[in-house]
């Protein structure tokens, strides 16, 4: 069973080949994240768990999935309408 203890499992891994280490460290630098975060990401991808934990930085979770009510949605949509008095067609 998954417990609170298991949510922060730590590993010590020895004898990592130097080329593997270089690739992982380069990837961490390139993505601007910690080495640990990179290792966790690579392990998630390798085990097919990456999509389950993927974080999106858009507003689909809020707007597209019903995260807001009808009135809020109408107000949000109103912001995207062109005011023809301010912007007449040529």
PDB file of N, CA and C in Angstrom:
ATOM      1  N   UNK A   1       0.842  -1.187   0.000  1.00  0.00           N
ATOM      2  CA  UNK A   1       0.000   0.000   0.000  1.00  0.00           C
ATOM      3  C   UNK A   1       0.881   1.242   0.000  1.00  0.00           C
ATOM      4  N   UNK A   2       0.422   2.285  -0.654  1.00  0.00           N
ATOM      5  CA  UNK A   2       1.161   3.537  -0.762  1.00  0.00           C
ATOM      6  C   UNK A   2       0.962   4.341   0.515  1.00  0.00           C
ATOM      7  N   UNK A   3       2.047   4.665   1.201  1.00  0.00           N
ATOM      8  CA  UNK A   3       1.948   5.415   2.453  1.00  0.00           C
ATOM      9  C   UNK A   3       2.677   6.739   2.321  1.00  0.00           C
ATOM     10  N   UNK A   4       2.549   7.578   3.345  1.00  0.00           N
ATOM     11  CA  UNK A   4       3.242   8.865   3.335  1.00  0.00           C
ATOM     12  C   UNK A   4       4.747   8.662   3.250  1.00  0.00           C
ATOM     13  N   UNK A   5       5.244   7.623   3.886  1.00  0.00           N
ATOM     14  CA  UNK A   5       6.676   7.333   3.831  1.00  0.00           C
ATOM     15  C   UNK A   5       7.121   7.098   2.394  1.00  0.00           C
ATOM     16  N   UNK A   6       6.318   6.372   1.651  1.00  0.00           N
ATOM     17  CA  UNK A   6       6.690   6.013   0.294  1.00  0.00           C
ATOM     18  C   UNK A   6       6.660   7.212  -0.653  1.00  0.00           C
ATOM     19  N   UNK A   7       6.002   8.290  -0.284  1.00  0.00           N
ATOM     20  CA  UNK A   7       5.939   9.434  -1.179  1.00  0.00           C
ATOM     21  C   UNK A   7       7.269  10.172  -1.263  1.00  0.00           C
ATOM     22  N   UNK A   8       8.191   9.861  -0.382  1.00  0.00           N
ATOM     23  CA  UNK A   8       9.498  10.514  -0.428  1.00  0.00           C
ATOM     24  C   UNK A   8      10.630   9.485  -0.363  1.00  0.00           C
ATOM     25  N   UNK A   9      10.504   8.444  -1.123  1.00  0.00           N
ATOM     26  CA  UNK A   9      11.531   7.409  -1.176  1.00  0.00           C
ATOM     27  C   UNK A   9      12.801   7.988  -1.773  1.00  0.00           C
ATOM     28  N   UNK A  10      13.916   7.596  -1.207  1.00  0.00           N
ATOM     29  CA  UNK A  10      15.204   8.061  -1.695  1.00  0.00           C
ATOM     30  C   UNK A  10      16.025   6.866  -2.175  1.00  0.00           C
ATOM     31  N   UNK A  11      16.802   7.104  -3.212  1.00  0.00           N
ATOM     32  CA  UNK A  11      17.676   6.073  -3.766  1.00  0.00           C
ATOM     33  C   UNK A  11      19.125   6.537  -3.682  1.00  0.00           C
ATOM     34  N   UNK A  12      20.008   5.578  -3.532  1.00  0.00           N
ATOM     35  CA  UNK A  12      21.429   5.808  -3.728  1.00  0.00           C
ATOM     36  C   UNK A  12      21.833   4.871  -4.850  1.00  0.00           C
ATOM     37  N   UNK A  13      22.310   5.443  -5.935  1.00  0.00           N
ATOM     38  CA  UNK A  13      22.662   4.636  -7.101  1.00  0.00           C
ATOM     39  C   UNK A  13      24.155   4.777  -7.342  1.00  0.00           C
ATOM     40  N   UNK A  14      24.833   3.665  -7.461  1.00  0.00           N
ATOM     41  CA  UNK A  14      26.279   3.669  -7.648  1.00  0.00           C
ATOM     42  C   UNK A  14      26.649   3.203  -9.052  1.00  0.00           C
ATOM     43  N   UNK A  15      27.880   3.513  -9.420  1.00  0.00           N
ATOM     44  CA  UNK A  15      28.476   3.040 -10.679  1.00  0.00           C
ATOM     45  C   UNK A  15      27.732   3.520 -11.923  1.00  0.00           C
ATOM     46  N   UNK A  16      27.338   4.782 -11.910  1.00  0.00           N
ATOM     47  CA  UNK A  16      26.705   5.386 -13.085  1.00  0.00           C
ATOM     48  C   UNK A  16      27.800   5.646 -14.116  1.00  0.00           C
ATOM     49  N   UNK A  17      27.639   5.180 -15.333  1.00  0.00           N
ATOM     50  CA  UNK A  17      28.647   5.441 -16.362  1.00  0.00           C
ATOM     51  C   UNK A  17      28.787   6.942 -16.612  1.00  0.00           C
ATOM     52  N   UNK A  18      29.997   7.397 -16.832  1.00  0.00           N
ATOM     53  CA  UNK A  18      30.275   8.815 -17.021  1.00  0.00           C
ATOM     54  C   UNK A  18      29.465   9.432 -18.163  1.00  0.00           C
ATOM     55  N   UNK A  19      29.324   8.762 -19.307  1.00  0.00           N
ATOM     56  CA  UNK A  19      28.509   9.362 -20.385  1.00  0.00           C
ATOM     57  C   UNK A  19      27.053   9.584 -19.968  1.00  0.00           C
ATOM     58  N   UNK A  20      26.504   8.671 -19.177  1.00  0.00           N
ATOM     59  CA  UNK A  20      25.125   8.814 -18.701  1.00  0.00           C
ATOM     60  C   UNK A  20      25.037  10.020 -17.767  1.00  0.00           C
ATOM     61  N   UNK A  21      26.000  10.149 -16.868  1.00  0.00           N
ATOM     62  CA  UNK A  21      26.040  11.280 -15.949  1.00  0.00           C
ATOM     63  C   UNK A  21      26.103  12.602 -16.709  1.00  0.00           C
ATOM     64  N   UNK A  22      26.944  12.665 -17.726  1.00  0.00           N
ATOM     65  CA  UNK A  22      27.082  13.904 -18.508  1.00  0.00           C
ATOM     66  C   UNK A  22      25.779  14.282 -19.201  1.00  0.00           C
ATOM     67  N   UNK A  23      25.123  13.301 -19.774  1.00  0.00           N
ATOM     68  CA  UNK A  23      23.862  13.569 -20.471  1.00  0.00           C
ATOM     69  C   UNK A  23      22.806  14.067 -19.488  1.00  0.00           C
ATOM     70  N   UNK A  24      22.711  13.434 -18.339  1.00  0.00           N
ATOM     71  CA  UNK A  24      21.714  13.838 -17.346  1.00  0.00           C
ATOM     72  C   UNK A  24      21.987  15.237 -16.807  1.00  0.00           C
ATOM     73  N   UNK A  25      23.250  15.540 -16.528  1.00  0.00           N
ATOM     74  CA  UNK A  25      23.594  16.872 -16.009  1.00  0.00           C
ATOM     75  C   UNK A  25      23.370  17.952 -17.074  1.00  0.00           C
ATOM     76  N   UNK A  26      23.693  17.633 -18.321  1.00  0.00           N
ATOM     77  CA  UNK A  26      23.461  18.579 -19.414  1.00  0.00           C
ATOM     78  C   UNK A  26      21.960  18.839 -19.573  1.00  0.00           C
ATOM     79  N   UNK A  27      21.193  17.781 -19.481  1.00  0.00           N
ATOM     80  CA  UNK A  27      19.734  17.919 -19.598  1.00  0.00           C
ATOM     81  C   UNK A  27      19.177  18.794 -18.468  1.00  0.00           C
ATOM     82  N   UNK A  28      19.661  18.609 -17.268  1.00  0.00           N
ATOM     83  CA  UNK A  28      19.204  19.412 -16.128  1.00  0.00           C
ATOM     84  C   UNK A  28      19.520  20.887 -16.354  1.00  0.00           C
ATOM     85  N   UNK A  29      20.742  21.172 -16.802  1.00  0.00           N
ATOM     86  CA  UNK A  29      21.123  22.566 -17.064  1.00  0.00           C
ATOM     87  C   UNK A  29      20.265  23.173 -18.168  1.00  0.00           C
ATOM     88  N   UNK A  30      20.095  22.412 -19.251  1.00  0.00           N
ATOM     89  CA  UNK A  30      19.333  22.901 -20.398  1.00  0.00           C
ATOM     90  C   UNK A  30      17.883  23.206 -20.019  1.00  0.00           C
ATOM     91  N   UNK A  31      17.291  22.382 -19.166  1.00  0.00           N
ATOM     92  CA  UNK A  31      15.902  22.572 -18.769  1.00  0.00           C
ATOM     93  C   UNK A  31      15.759  23.510 -17.579  1.00  0.00           C
ATOM     94  N   UNK A  32      16.892  23.930 -17.018  1.00  0.00           N
ATOM     95  CA  UNK A  32      16.852  24.852 -15.887  1.00  0.00           C
ATOM     96  C   UNK A  32      16.234  24.263 -14.642  1.00  0.00           C
ATOM     97  N   UNK A  33      16.490  22.995 -14.427  1.00  0.00           N
ATOM     98  CA  UNK A  33      15.936  22.347 -13.238  1.00  0.00           C
ATOM     99  C   UNK A  33      17.036  21.622 -12.482  1.00  0.00           C
ATOM    100  N   UNK A  34      16.719  21.204 -11.283  1.00  0.00           N
ATOM    101  CA  UNK A  34      17.717  20.525 -10.467  1.00  0.00           C
ATOM    102  C   UNK A  34      18.051  19.157 -11.058  1.00  0.00           C
ATOM    103  N   UNK A  35      19.211  18.662 -10.672  1.00  0.00           N
ATOM    104  CA  UNK A  35      19.632  17.334 -11.119  1.00  0.00           C
ATOM    105  C   UNK A  35      18.628  16.294 -10.619  1.00  0.00           C
ATOM    106  N   UNK A  36      18.196  16.433  -9.370  1.00  0.00           N
ATOM    107  CA  UNK A  36      17.235  15.489  -8.799  1.00  0.00           C
ATOM    108  C   UNK A  36      15.933  15.491  -9.595  1.00  0.00           C
ATOM    109  N   UNK A  37      15.416  16.681  -9.929  1.00  0.00           N
ATOM    110  CA  UNK A  37      14.169  16.771 -10.696  1.00  0.00           C
ATOM    111  C   UNK A  37      14.330  16.104 -12.061  1.00  0.00           C
ATOM    112  N   UNK A  38      15.492  16.248 -12.651  1.00  0.00           N
ATOM    113  CA  UNK A  38      15.761  15.615 -13.948  1.00  0.00           C
ATOM    114  C   UNK A  38      15.751  14.099 -13.821  1.00  0.00           C
ATOM    115  N   UNK A  39      16.393  13.582 -12.793  1.00  0.00           N
ATOM    116  CA  UNK A  39      16.432  12.126 -12.583  1.00  0.00           C
ATOM    117  C   UNK A  39      15.017  11.590 -12.366  1.00  0.00           C
ATOM    118  N   UNK A  40      14.221  12.274 -11.540  1.00  0.00           N
ATOM    119  CA  UNK A  40      12.849  11.840 -11.290  1.00  0.00           C
ATOM    120  C   UNK A  40      12.055  11.847 -12.597  1.00  0.00           C
ATOM    121  N   UNK A  41      12.219  12.899 -13.408  1.00  0.00           N
ATOM    122  CA  UNK A  41      11.529  12.989 -14.698  1.00  0.00           C
ATOM    123  C   UNK A  41      11.912  11.841 -15.625  1.00  0.00           C
ATOM    124  N   UNK A  42      13.199  11.540 -15.704  1.00  0.00           N
ATOM    125  CA  UNK A  42      13.682  10.446 -16.562  1.00  0.00           C
ATOM    126  C   UNK A  42      13.120   9.108 -16.074  1.00  0.00           C
ATOM    127  N   UNK A  43      13.090   8.900 -14.772  1.00  0.00           N
ATOM    128  CA  UNK A  43      12.533   7.653 -14.221  1.00  0.00           C
ATOM    129  C   UNK A  43      11.034   7.555 -14.501  1.00  0.00           C
ATOM    130  N   UNK A  44      10.320   8.671 -14.396  1.00  0.00           N
ATOM    131  CA  UNK A  44       8.890   8.666 -14.705  1.00  0.00           C
ATOM    132  C   UNK A  44       8.653   8.320 -16.174  1.00  0.00           C
ATOM    133  N   UNK A  45       9.461   8.890 -17.049  1.00  0.00           N
ATOM    134  CA  UNK A  45       9.314   8.593 -18.476  1.00  0.00           C
ATOM    135  C   UNK A  45       9.635   7.138 -18.762  1.00  0.00           C
ATOM    136  N   UNK A  46      10.675   6.636 -18.145  1.00  0.00           N
ATOM    137  CA  UNK A  46      11.096   5.255 -18.388  1.00  0.00           C
ATOM    138  C   UNK A  46      10.080   4.238 -17.882  1.00  0.00           C
ATOM    139  N   UNK A  47       9.307   4.616 -16.882  1.00  0.00           N
ATOM    140  CA  UNK A  47       8.336   3.683 -16.313  1.00  0.00           C
ATOM    141  C   UNK A  47       6.909   3.955 -16.781  1.00  0.00           C
ATOM    142  N   UNK A  48       6.750   4.902 -17.710  1.00  0.00           N
ATOM    143  CA  UNK A  48       5.433   5.203 -18.241  1.00  0.00           C
ATOM    144  C   UNK A  48       4.573   6.027 -17.300  1.00  0.00           C
ATOM    145  N   UNK A  49       5.167   6.676 -16.333  1.00  0.00           N
ATOM    146  CA  UNK A  49       4.418   7.470 -15.359  1.00  0.00           C
ATOM    147  C   UNK A  49       4.439   8.960 -15.658  1.00  0.00           C
ATOM    148  N   UNK A  50       5.150   9.383 -16.678  1.00  0.00           N
ATOM    149  CA  UNK A  50       5.331  10.813 -16.951  1.00  0.00           C
ATOM    150  C   UNK A  50       4.015  11.515 -17.253  1.00  0.00           C
ATOM    151  N   UNK A  51       3.163  10.931 -18.064  1.00  0.00           N
ATOM    152  CA  UNK A  51       1.909  11.584 -18.444  1.00  0.00           C
ATOM    153  C   UNK A  51       0.973  11.734 -17.247  1.00  0.00           C
ATOM    154  N   UNK A  52       1.031  10.809 -16.317  1.00  0.00           N
ATOM    155  CA  UNK A  52       0.158  10.878 -15.147  1.00  0.00           C
ATOM    156  C   UNK A  52       0.510  12.067 -14.268  1.00  0.00           C
ATOM    157  N   UNK A  53       1.770  12.466 -14.262  1.00  0.00           N
ATOM    158  CA  UNK A  53       2.230  13.540 -13.392  1.00  0.00           C
ATOM    159  C   UNK A  53       2.565  14.820 -14.139  1.00  0.00           C
ATOM    160  N   UNK A  54       2.173  14.902 -15.405  1.00  0.00           N
ATOM    161  CA  UNK A  54       2.529  16.047 -16.217  1.00  0.00           C
ATOM    162  C   UNK A  54       1.788  17.299 -15.747  1.00  0.00           C
ATOM    163  N   UNK A  55       2.499  18.403 -15.680  1.00  0.00           N
ATOM    164  CA  UNK A  55       1.936  19.678 -15.266  1.00  0.00           C
ATOM    165  C   UNK A  55       1.799  20.573 -16.485  1.00  0.00           C
ATOM    166  N   UNK A  56       0.616  21.134 -16.656  1.00  0.00           N
ATOM    167  CA  UNK A  56       0.382  22.042 -17.762  1.00  0.00           C
ATOM    168  C   UNK A  56       0.386  23.472 -17.243  1.00  0.00           C
ATOM    169  N   UNK A  57       0.895  24.391 -18.035  1.00  0.00           N
ATOM    170  CA  UNK A  57       0.975  25.783 -17.644  1.00  0.00           C
ATOM    171  C   UNK A  57       0.016  26.662 -18.440  1.00  0.00           C
ATOM    172  N   UNK A  58      -1.072  26.088 -18.915  1.00  0.00           N
ATOM    173  CA  UNK A  58      -2.063  26.876 -19.628  1.00  0.00           C
ATOM    174  C   UNK A  58      -3.335  26.959 -18.777  1.00  0.00           C
ATOM    175  N   UNK A  59      -4.377  27.550 -19.316  1.00  0.00           N
ATOM    176  CA  UNK A  59      -5.614  27.709 -18.554  1.00  0.00           C
ATOM    177  C   UNK A  59      -6.688  26.702 -18.939  1.00  0.00           C
ATOM    178  N   UNK A  60      -6.338  25.645 -19.666  1.00  0.00           N
ATOM    179  CA  UNK A  60      -7.337  24.650 -20.037  1.00  0.00           C
ATOM    180  C   UNK A  60      -8.002  24.035 -18.810  1.00  0.00           C
ATOM    181  N   UNK A  61      -7.232  23.815 -17.768  1.00  0.00           N
ATOM    182  CA  UNK A  61      -7.793  23.235 -16.544  1.00  0.00           C
ATOM    183  C   UNK A  61      -8.870  24.141 -15.966  1.00  0.00           C
ATOM    184  N   UNK A  62      -8.735  25.445 -16.180  1.00  0.00           N
ATOM    185  CA  UNK A  62      -9.650  26.419 -15.601  1.00  0.00           C
ATOM    186  C   UNK A  62     -10.816  26.714 -16.523  1.00  0.00           C
ATOM    187  N   UNK A  63     -10.513  26.988 -17.763  1.00  0.00           N
ATOM    188  CA  UNK A  63     -11.530  27.433 -18.709  1.00  0.00           C
ATOM    189  C   UNK A  63     -12.186  26.273 -19.459  1.00  0.00           C
ATOM    190  N   UNK A  64     -11.382  25.364 -19.960  1.00  0.00           N
ATOM    191  CA  UNK A  64     -11.898  24.334 -20.850  1.00  0.00           C
ATOM    192  C   UNK A  64     -12.579  23.172 -20.175  1.00  0.00           C
ATOM    193  N   UNK A  65     -12.340  22.956 -18.895  1.00  0.00           N
ATOM    194  CA  UNK A  65     -12.880  21.767 -18.259  1.00  0.00           C
ATOM    195  C   UNK A  65     -14.040  22.056 -17.329  1.00  0.00           C
ATOM    196  N   UNK A  66     -14.615  23.259 -17.401  1.00  0.00           N
ATOM    197  CA  UNK A  66     -15.737  23.567 -16.530  1.00  0.00           C
ATOM    198  C   UNK A  66     -15.309  24.012 -15.147  1.00  0.00           C
ATOM    199  N   UNK A  67     -14.088  24.485 -15.013  1.00  0.00           N
ATOM    200  CA  UNK A  67     -13.592  24.932 -13.714  1.00  0.00           C
ATOM    201  C   UNK A  67     -14.258  26.208 -13.238  1.00  0.00           C
ATOM    202  N   UNK A  68     -14.956  26.898 -14.144  1.00  0.00           N
ATOM    203  CA  UNK A  68     -15.658  28.120 -13.763  1.00  0.00           C
ATOM    204  C   UNK A  68     -17.119  27.986 -14.143  1.00  0.00           C
ATOM    205  N   UNK A  69     -17.967  28.774 -13.499  1.00  0.00           N
ATOM    206  CA  UNK A  69     -19.397  28.719 -13.760  1.00  0.00           C
ATOM    207  C   UNK A  69     -19.784  29.454 -15.030  1.00  0.00           C
ATOM    208  N   UNK A  70     -21.065  29.342 -15.373  1.00  0.00           N
ATOM    209  CA  UNK A  70     -21.580  29.934 -16.604  1.00  0.00           C
ATOM    210  C   UNK A  70     -21.408  31.442 -16.631  1.00  0.00           C
ATOM    211  N   UNK A  71     -21.733  32.127 -15.535  1.00  0.00           N
ATOM    212  CA  UNK A  71     -21.622  33.588 -15.509  1.00  0.00           C
ATOM    213  C   UNK A  71     -20.169  34.027 -15.645  1.00  0.00           C
ATOM    214  N   UNK A  72     -19.284  33.327 -14.966  1.00  0.00           N
ATOM    215  CA  UNK A  72     -17.864  33.656 -15.073  1.00  0.00           C
ATOM    216  C   UNK A  72     -17.361  33.419 -16.492  1.00  0.00           C
ATOM    217  N   UNK A  73     -17.839  32.349 -17.119  1.00  0.00           N
ATOM    218  CA  UNK A  73     -17.436  32.038 -18.486  1.00  0.00           C
ATOM    219  C   UNK A  73     -17.900  33.136 -19.446  1.00  0.00           C
ATOM    220  N   UNK A  74     -19.140  33.630 -19.263  1.00  0.00           N
ATOM    221  CA  UNK A  74     -19.653  34.698 -20.115  1.00  0.00           C
ATOM    222  C   UNK A  74     -18.805  35.962 -19.960  1.00  0.00           C
ATOM    223  N   UNK A  75     -18.439  36.281 -18.731  1.00  0.00           N
ATOM    224  CA  UNK A  75     -17.601  37.459 -18.494  1.00  0.00           C
ATOM    225  C   UNK A  75     -16.236  37.283 -19.138  1.00  0.00           C
ATOM    226  N   UNK A  76     -15.699  36.089 -19.047  1.00  0.00           N
ATOM    227  CA  UNK A  76     -14.399  35.797 -19.650  1.00  0.00           C
ATOM    228  C   UNK A  76     -14.493  35.917 -21.166  1.00  0.00           C
ATOM    229  N   UNK A  77     -15.543  35.351 -21.764  1.00  0.00           N
ATOM    230  CA  UNK A  77     -15.734  35.413 -23.215  1.00  0.00           C
ATOM    231  C   UNK A  77     -15.937  36.842 -23.689  1.00  0.00           C
ATOM    232  N   UNK A  78     -16.598  37.674 -22.894  1.00  0.00           N
ATOM    233  CA  UNK A  78     -16.867  39.057 -23.284  1.00  0.00           C
ATOM    234  C   UNK A  78     -15.580  39.832 -23.514  1.00  0.00           C
ATOM    235  N   UNK A  79     -14.526  39.450 -22.865  1.00  0.00           N
ATOM    236  CA  UNK A  79     -13.243  40.137 -23.028  1.00  0.00           C
ATOM    237  C   UNK A  79     -12.668  39.922 -24.423  1.00  0.00           C
ATOM    238  N   UNK A  80     -13.125  38.909 -25.116  1.00  0.00           N
ATOM    239  CA  UNK A  80     -12.566  38.564 -26.419  1.00  0.00           C
ATOM    240  C   UNK A  80     -13.392  39.092 -27.590  1.00  0.00           C
ATOM    241  N   UNK A  81     -14.436  39.842 -27.289  1.00  0.00           N
ATOM    242  CA  UNK A  81     -15.264  40.398 -28.351  1.00  0.00           C
ATOM    243  C   UNK A  81     -14.719  41.764 -28.764  1.00  0.00           C
ATOM    244  N   UNK A  82     -14.726  42.020 -30.026  1.00  0.00           N
ATOM    245  CA  UNK A  82     -14.231  43.299 -30.552  1.00  0.00           C
ATOM    246  C   UNK A  82     -15.328  44.346 -30.427  1.00  0.00           C
ATOM    247  N   UNK A  83     -14.982  45.469 -29.838  1.00  0.00           N
ATOM    248  CA  UNK A  83     -15.912  46.598 -29.735  1.00  0.00           C
ATOM    249  C   UNK A  83     -15.865  47.328 -31.073  1.00  0.00           C
ATOM    250  N   UNK A  84     -16.932  47.167 -31.861  1.00  0.00           N
ATOM    251  CA  UNK A  84     -16.921  47.721 -33.226  1.00  0.00           C
ATOM    252  C   UNK A  84     -16.931  49.256 -33.240  1.00  0.00           C
ATOM    253  N   UNK A  85     -17.357  49.882 -32.157  1.00  0.00           N
ATOM    254  CA  UNK A  85     -17.304  51.349 -32.095  1.00  0.00           C
ATOM    255  C   UNK A  85     -15.852  51.808 -31.971  1.00  0.00           C
ATOM    256  N   UNK A  86     -15.050  51.047 -31.240  1.00  0.00           N
ATOM    257  CA  UNK A  86     -13.645  51.403 -31.081  1.00  0.00           C
ATOM    258  C   UNK A  86     -12.794  50.937 -32.269  1.00  0.00           C
ATOM    259  N   UNK A  87     -13.197  49.836 -32.879  1.00  0.00           N
ATOM    260  CA  UNK A  87     -12.441  49.244 -33.978  1.00  0.00           C
ATOM    261  C   UNK A  87     -13.345  49.007 -35.179  1.00  0.00           C
ATOM    262  N   UNK A  88     -13.754  50.058 -35.865  1.00  0.00           N
ATOM    263  CA  UNK A  88     -14.633  49.862 -37.034  1.00  0.00           C
ATOM    264  C   UNK A  88     -13.874  49.152 -38.162  1.00  0.00           C
ATOM    265  N   UNK A  89     -14.617  48.416 -38.923  1.00  0.00           N
ATOM    266  CA  UNK A  89     -13.996  47.730 -40.058  1.00  0.00           C
ATOM    267  C   UNK A  89     -13.681  48.712 -41.160  1.00  0.00           C
ATOM    268  N   UNK A  90     -12.646  48.466 -41.897  1.00  0.00           N
ATOM    269  CA  UNK A  90     -12.203  49.381 -42.956  1.00  0.00           C
ATOM    270  C   UNK A  90     -12.856  48.989 -44.260  1.00  0.00           C
TER     271      UNK A  90
END
